[in-house]
Amino acid sequence: MILQCIGSFEAVKRSVIDDLLFDKLPDVLSEQQKKAKVRNLLQSLRKENKITAEGKTWMLTDE
């Protein structure tokens, strides 16, 4: 879902990704836990070299 969103818009701010995913995460998670989950998902994709960040803007890598 993150990759589709970034691919559609070429570059996406973290707040847009938060808005997209927060509704999909379980309601039992607090706001802080949801932010941590999204952060972990983004970092996982970054470590797999699928996305890159410039400030608070995420984009697909060229590979």
PDB file of N, CA and C in Angstrom:
ATOM      1  N   MET A   1       0.817  -1.182   0.000  1.00  0.00           N
ATOM      2  CA  MET A   1       0.000   0.000   0.000  1.00  0.00           C
ATOM      3  C   MET A   1       0.869   1.258   0.000  1.00  0.00           C
ATOM      4  N   ILE A   2       1.944   1.225   0.778  1.00  0.00           N
ATOM      5  CA  ILE A   2       2.862   2.368   0.819  1.00  0.00           C
ATOM      6  C   ILE A   2       3.516   2.561  -0.543  1.00  0.00           C
ATOM      7  N   LEU A   3       3.979   1.481  -1.140  1.00  0.00           N
ATOM      8  CA  LEU A   3       4.645   1.571  -2.434  1.00  0.00           C
ATOM      9  C   LEU A   3       3.683   2.066  -3.519  1.00  0.00           C
ATOM     10  N   GLN A   4       2.427   1.638  -3.457  1.00  0.00           N
ATOM     11  CA  GLN A   4       1.435   2.102  -4.433  1.00  0.00           C
ATOM     12  C   GLN A   4       1.186   3.594  -4.283  1.00  0.00           C
ATOM     13  N   CYS A   5       1.085   4.046  -3.052  1.00  0.00           N
ATOM     14  CA  CYS A   5       0.836   5.467  -2.791  1.00  0.00           C
ATOM     15  C   CYS A   5       1.997   6.319  -3.294  1.00  0.00           C
ATOM     16  N   ILE A   6       3.212   5.916  -2.946  1.00  0.00           N
ATOM     17  CA  ILE A   6       4.389   6.675  -3.376  1.00  0.00           C
ATOM     18  C   ILE A   6       4.526   6.613  -4.888  1.00  0.00           C
ATOM     19  N   GLY A   7       4.267   5.449  -5.481  1.00  0.00           N
ATOM     20  CA  GLY A   7       4.355   5.309  -6.929  1.00  0.00           C
ATOM     21  C   GLY A   7       3.355   6.182  -7.666  1.00  0.00           C
ATOM     22  N   SER A   8       2.185   6.363  -7.084  1.00  0.00           N
ATOM     23  CA  SER A   8       1.146   7.184  -7.724  1.00  0.00           C
ATOM     24  C   SER A   8       1.503   8.664  -7.737  1.00  0.00           C
ATOM     25  N   PHE A   9       2.156   9.122  -6.687  1.00  0.00           N
ATOM     26  CA  PHE A   9       2.425  10.551  -6.535  1.00  0.00           C
ATOM     27  C   PHE A   9       3.895  10.922  -6.678  1.00  0.00           C
ATOM     28  N   GLU A  10       4.762   9.939  -6.901  1.00  0.00           N
ATOM     29  CA  GLU A  10       6.207  10.114  -7.061  1.00  0.00           C
ATOM     30  C   GLU A  10       6.910  10.488  -5.760  1.00  0.00           C
ATOM     31  N   ALA A  11       6.347  11.387  -4.975  1.00  0.00           N
ATOM     32  CA  ALA A  11       6.918  11.764  -3.684  1.00  0.00           C
ATOM     33  C   ALA A  11       5.770  12.058  -2.728  1.00  0.00           C
ATOM     34  N   VAL A  12       5.872  11.516  -1.517  1.00  0.00           N
ATOM     35  CA  VAL A  12       4.789  11.643  -0.555  1.00  0.00           C
ATOM     36  C   VAL A  12       5.359  12.028   0.807  1.00  0.00           C
ATOM     37  N   LYS A  13       4.714  12.992   1.453  1.00  0.00           N
ATOM     38  CA  LYS A  13       5.122  13.395   2.789  1.00  0.00           C
ATOM     39  C   LYS A  13       4.677  12.350   3.806  1.00  0.00           C
ATOM     40  N   ARG A  14       5.395  12.278   4.905  1.00  0.00           N
ATOM     41  CA  ARG A  14       5.096  11.309   5.958  1.00  0.00           C
ATOM     42  C   ARG A  14       3.667  11.484   6.463  1.00  0.00           C
ATOM     43  N   SER A  15       3.185  12.698   6.557  1.00  0.00           N
ATOM     44  CA  SER A  15       1.824  12.929   7.072  1.00  0.00           C
ATOM     45  C   SER A  15       0.770  12.275   6.183  1.00  0.00           C
ATOM     46  N   VAL A  16       0.998  12.245   4.880  1.00  0.00           N
ATOM     47  CA  VAL A  16       0.066  11.594   3.953  1.00  0.00           C
ATOM     48  C   VAL A  16       0.068  10.088   4.187  1.00  0.00           C
ATOM     49  N   ILE A  17       1.237   9.519   4.390  1.00  0.00           N
ATOM     50  CA  ILE A  17       1.347   8.081   4.665  1.00  0.00           C
ATOM     51  C   ILE A  17       0.656   7.755   5.983  1.00  0.00           C
ATOM     52  N   ASP A  18       0.854   8.606   6.995  1.00  0.00           N
ATOM     53  CA  ASP A  18       0.173   8.418   8.280  1.00  0.00           C
ATOM     54  C   ASP A  18      -1.346   8.412   8.082  1.00  0.00           C
ATOM     55  N   ASP A  19      -1.853   9.398   7.357  1.00  0.00           N
ATOM     56  CA  ASP A  19      -3.295   9.491   7.115  1.00  0.00           C
ATOM     57  C   ASP A  19      -3.818   8.254   6.392  1.00  0.00           C
ATOM     58  N   LEU A  20      -3.045   7.746   5.466  1.00  0.00           N
ATOM     59  CA  LEU A  20      -3.439   6.572   4.694  1.00  0.00           C
ATOM     60  C   LEU A  20      -3.509   5.322   5.571  1.00  0.00           C
ATOM     61  N   LEU A  21      -2.527   5.142   6.440  1.00  0.00           N
ATOM     62  CA  LEU A  21      -2.417   3.889   7.190  1.00  0.00           C
ATOM     63  C   LEU A  21      -3.087   3.879   8.554  1.00  0.00           C
ATOM     64  N   PHE A  22      -3.230   5.013   9.198  1.00  0.00           N
ATOM     65  CA  PHE A  22      -3.777   5.033  10.557  1.00  0.00           C
ATOM     66  C   PHE A  22      -5.152   4.370  10.635  1.00  0.00           C
ATOM     67  N   ASP A  23      -6.002   4.585   9.644  1.00  0.00           N
ATOM     68  CA  ASP A  23      -7.330   3.976   9.667  1.00  0.00           C
ATOM     69  C   ASP A  23      -7.271   2.463   9.482  1.00  0.00           C
ATOM     70  N   LYS A  24      -6.206   1.980   8.867  1.00  0.00           N
ATOM     71  CA  LYS A  24      -6.063   0.546   8.602  1.00  0.00           C
ATOM     72  C   LYS A  24      -5.504  -0.216   9.807  1.00  0.00           C
ATOM     73  N   LEU A  25      -4.838   0.491  10.723  1.00  0.00           N
ATOM     74  CA  LEU A  25      -4.240  -0.144  11.895  1.00  0.00           C
ATOM     75  C   LEU A  25      -5.303  -0.374  12.967  1.00  0.00           C
ATOM     76  N   PRO A  26      -5.108  -1.381  13.812  1.00  0.00           N
ATOM     77  CA  PRO A  26      -6.107  -1.693  14.847  1.00  0.00           C
ATOM     78  C   PRO A  26      -6.352  -0.517  15.792  1.00  0.00           C
ATOM     79  N   ASP A  27      -7.605  -0.381  16.229  1.00  0.00           N
ATOM     80  CA  ASP A  27      -7.980   0.704  17.130  1.00  0.00           C
ATOM     81  C   ASP A  27      -7.396   0.542  18.530  1.00  0.00           C
ATOM     82  N   VAL A  28      -6.951  -0.663  18.877  1.00  0.00           N
ATOM     83  CA  VAL A  28      -6.376  -0.874  20.207  1.00  0.00           C
ATOM     84  C   VAL A  28      -5.002  -0.209  20.340  1.00  0.00           C
ATOM     85  N   LEU A  29      -4.384   0.146  19.210  1.00  0.00           N
ATOM     86  CA  LEU A  29      -3.094   0.828  19.244  1.00  0.00           C
ATOM     87  C   LEU A  29      -3.288   2.310  19.537  1.00  0.00           C
ATOM     88  N   SER A  30      -2.406   2.851  20.363  1.00  0.00           N
ATOM     89  CA  SER A  30      -2.445   4.285  20.642  1.00  0.00           C
ATOM     90  C   SER A  30      -1.863   5.047  19.453  1.00  0.00           C
ATOM     91  N   GLU A  31      -2.002   6.352  19.486  1.00  0.00           N
ATOM     92  CA  GLU A  31      -1.446   7.216  18.427  1.00  0.00           C
ATOM     93  C   GLU A  31       0.065   7.001  18.313  1.00  0.00           C
ATOM     94  N   GLN A  32       0.750   6.932  19.444  1.00  0.00           N
ATOM     95  CA  GLN A  32       2.196   6.721  19.450  1.00  0.00           C
ATOM     96  C   GLN A  32       2.564   5.364  18.852  1.00  0.00           C
ATOM     97  N   GLN A  33       1.793   4.344  19.180  1.00  0.00           N
ATOM     98  CA  GLN A  33       2.065   3.004  18.654  1.00  0.00           C
ATOM     99  C   GLN A  33       1.831   2.958  17.145  1.00  0.00           C
ATOM    100  N   LYS A  34       0.816   3.656  16.680  1.00  0.00           N
ATOM    101  CA  LYS A  34       0.553   3.705  15.240  1.00  0.00           C
ATOM    102  C   LYS A  34       1.688   4.420  14.512  1.00  0.00           C
ATOM    103  N   LYS A  35       2.177   5.515  15.078  1.00  0.00           N
ATOM    104  CA  LYS A  35       3.303   6.229  14.466  1.00  0.00           C
ATOM    105  C   LYS A  35       4.542   5.343  14.423  1.00  0.00           C
ATOM    106  N   ALA A  36       4.776   4.594  15.489  1.00  0.00           N
ATOM    107  CA  ALA A  36       5.926   3.699  15.537  1.00  0.00           C
ATOM    108  C   ALA A  36       5.792   2.591  14.490  1.00  0.00           C
ATOM    109  N   LYS A  37       4.598   2.064  14.322  1.00  0.00           N
ATOM    110  CA  LYS A  37       4.360   1.005  13.335  1.00  0.00           C
ATOM    111  C   LYS A  37       4.629   1.521  11.920  1.00  0.00           C
ATOM    112  N   VAL A  38       4.121   2.702  11.610  1.00  0.00           N
ATOM    113  CA  VAL A  38       4.345   3.292  10.283  1.00  0.00           C
ATOM    114  C   VAL A  38       5.837   3.569  10.087  1.00  0.00           C
ATOM    115  N   ARG A  39       6.496   4.098  11.111  1.00  0.00           N
ATOM    116  CA  ARG A  39       7.941   4.346  11.037  1.00  0.00           C
ATOM    117  C   ARG A  39       8.687   3.053  10.750  1.00  0.00           C
ATOM    118  N   ASN A  40       8.331   1.987  11.444  1.00  0.00           N
ATOM    119  CA  ASN A  40       8.993   0.699  11.232  1.00  0.00           C
ATOM    120  C   ASN A  40       8.758   0.169   9.819  1.00  0.00           C
ATOM    121  N   LEU A  41       7.542   0.334   9.303  1.00  0.00           N
ATOM    122  CA  LEU A  41       7.254  -0.100   7.936  1.00  0.00           C
ATOM    123  C   LEU A  41       8.092   0.680   6.924  1.00  0.00           C
ATOM    124  N   LEU A  42       8.168   2.003   7.112  1.00  0.00           N
ATOM    125  CA  LEU A  42       8.966   2.830   6.199  1.00  0.00           C
ATOM    126  C   LEU A  42      10.445   2.472   6.269  1.00  0.00           C
ATOM    127  N   GLN A  43      10.957   2.270   7.467  1.00  0.00           N
ATOM    128  CA  GLN A  43      12.368   1.931   7.616  1.00  0.00           C
ATOM    129  C   GLN A  43      12.674   0.559   7.015  1.00  0.00           C
ATOM    130  N   SER A  44      11.738  -0.361   7.146  1.00  0.00           N
ATOM    131  CA  SER A  44      11.921  -1.685   6.542  1.00  0.00           C
ATOM    132  C   SER A  44      12.014  -1.582   5.017  1.00  0.00           C
ATOM    133  N   LEU A  45      11.135  -0.786   4.425  1.00  0.00           N
ATOM    134  CA  LEU A  45      11.183  -0.584   2.974  1.00  0.00           C
ATOM    135  C   LEU A  45      12.451   0.154   2.558  1.00  0.00           C
ATOM    136  N   ARG A  46      12.906   1.075   3.390  1.00  0.00           N
ATOM    137  CA  ARG A  46      14.141   1.801   3.091  1.00  0.00           C
ATOM    138  C   ARG A  46      15.340   0.858   3.138  1.00  0.00           C
ATOM    139  N   LYS A  47      15.376  -0.026   4.125  1.00  0.00           N
ATOM    140  CA  LYS A  47      16.487  -0.980   4.241  1.00  0.00           C
ATOM    141  C   LYS A  47      16.500  -1.978   3.086  1.00  0.00           C
ATOM    142  N   GLU A  48      15.313  -2.266   2.530  1.00  0.00           N
ATOM    143  CA  GLU A  48      15.221  -3.143   1.361  1.00  0.00           C
ATOM    144  C   GLU A  48      15.536  -2.383   0.075  1.00  0.00           C
ATOM    145  N   ASN A  49      15.865  -1.098   0.207  1.00  0.00           N
ATOM    146  CA  ASN A  49      16.230  -0.216  -0.904  1.00  0.00           C
ATOM    147  C   ASN A  49      15.080  -0.030  -1.903  1.00  0.00           C
ATOM    148  N   LYS A  50      13.846  -0.040  -1.394  1.00  0.00           N
ATOM    149  CA  LYS A  50      12.689   0.192  -2.248  1.00  0.00           C
ATOM    150  C   LYS A  50      12.250   1.644  -2.233  1.00  0.00           C
ATOM    151  N   ILE A  51      12.503   2.332  -1.105  1.00  0.00           N
ATOM    152  CA  ILE A  51      12.155   3.745  -0.998  1.00  0.00           C
ATOM    153  C   ILE A  51      13.321   4.503  -0.386  1.00  0.00           C
ATOM    154  N   THR A  52      13.286   5.805  -0.550  1.00  0.00           N
ATOM    155  CA  THR A  52      14.305   6.674   0.025  1.00  0.00           C
ATOM    156  C   THR A  52      13.612   7.925   0.556  1.00  0.00           C
ATOM    157  N   ALA A  53      14.287   8.602   1.475  1.00  0.00           N
ATOM    158  CA  ALA A  53      13.693   9.798   2.078  1.00  0.00           C
ATOM    159  C   ALA A  53      14.578  11.007   1.855  1.00  0.00           C
ATOM    160  N   GLU A  54      13.931  12.128   1.637  1.00  0.00           N
ATOM    161  CA  GLU A  54      14.599  13.429   1.612  1.00  0.00           C
ATOM    162  C   GLU A  54      13.811  14.308   2.569  1.00  0.00           C
ATOM    163  N   GLY A  55      14.325  14.491   3.743  1.00  0.00           N
ATOM    164  CA  GLY A  55      13.579  15.207   4.770  1.00  0.00           C
ATOM    165  C   GLY A  55      12.404  14.352   5.206  1.00  0.00           C
ATOM    166  N   LYS A  56      11.197  14.901   5.120  1.00  0.00           N
ATOM    167  CA  LYS A  56       9.996  14.149   5.477  1.00  0.00           C
ATOM    168  C   LYS A  56       9.251  13.654   4.244  1.00  0.00           C
ATOM    169  N   THR A  57       9.908  13.688   3.096  1.00  0.00           N
ATOM    170  CA  THR A  57       9.300  13.247   1.843  1.00  0.00           C
ATOM    171  C   THR A  57       9.906  11.911   1.434  1.00  0.00           C
ATOM    172  N   TRP A  58       9.026  10.952   1.137  1.00  0.00           N
ATOM    173  CA  TRP A  58       9.456   9.625   0.733  1.00  0.00           C
ATOM    174  C   TRP A  58       9.198   9.438  -0.751  1.00  0.00           C
ATOM    175  N   MET A  59      10.117   8.742  -1.425  1.00  0.00           N
ATOM    176  CA  MET A  59       9.955   8.454  -2.852  1.00  0.00           C
ATOM    177  C   MET A  59      10.546   7.080  -3.166  1.00  0.00           C
ATOM    178  N   LEU A  60      10.135   6.519  -4.293  1.00  0.00           N
ATOM    179  CA  LEU A  60      10.677   5.244  -4.734  1.00  0.00           C
ATOM    180  C   LEU A  60      12.126   5.417  -5.154  1.00  0.00           C
ATOM    181  N   THR A  61      12.925   4.380  -4.947  1.00  0.00           N
ATOM    182  CA  THR A  61      14.309   4.429  -5.430  1.00  0.00           C
ATOM    183  C   THR A  61      14.318   4.171  -6.929  1.00  0.00           C
ATOM    184  N   ASP A  62      15.411   4.469  -7.560  1.00  0.00           N
ATOM    185  CA  ASP A  62      15.523   4.336  -9.014  1.00  0.00           C
ATOM    186  C   ASP A  62      15.721   2.901  -9.465  1.00  0.00           C
ATOM    187  N   GLU A  63      16.007   2.008  -8.535  1.00  0.00           N
ATOM    188  CA  GLU A  63      16.296   0.614  -8.920  1.00  0.00           C
ATOM    189  C   GLU A  63      15.076  -0.136  -9.327  1.00  0.00           C
TER     190      GLU A  63
END
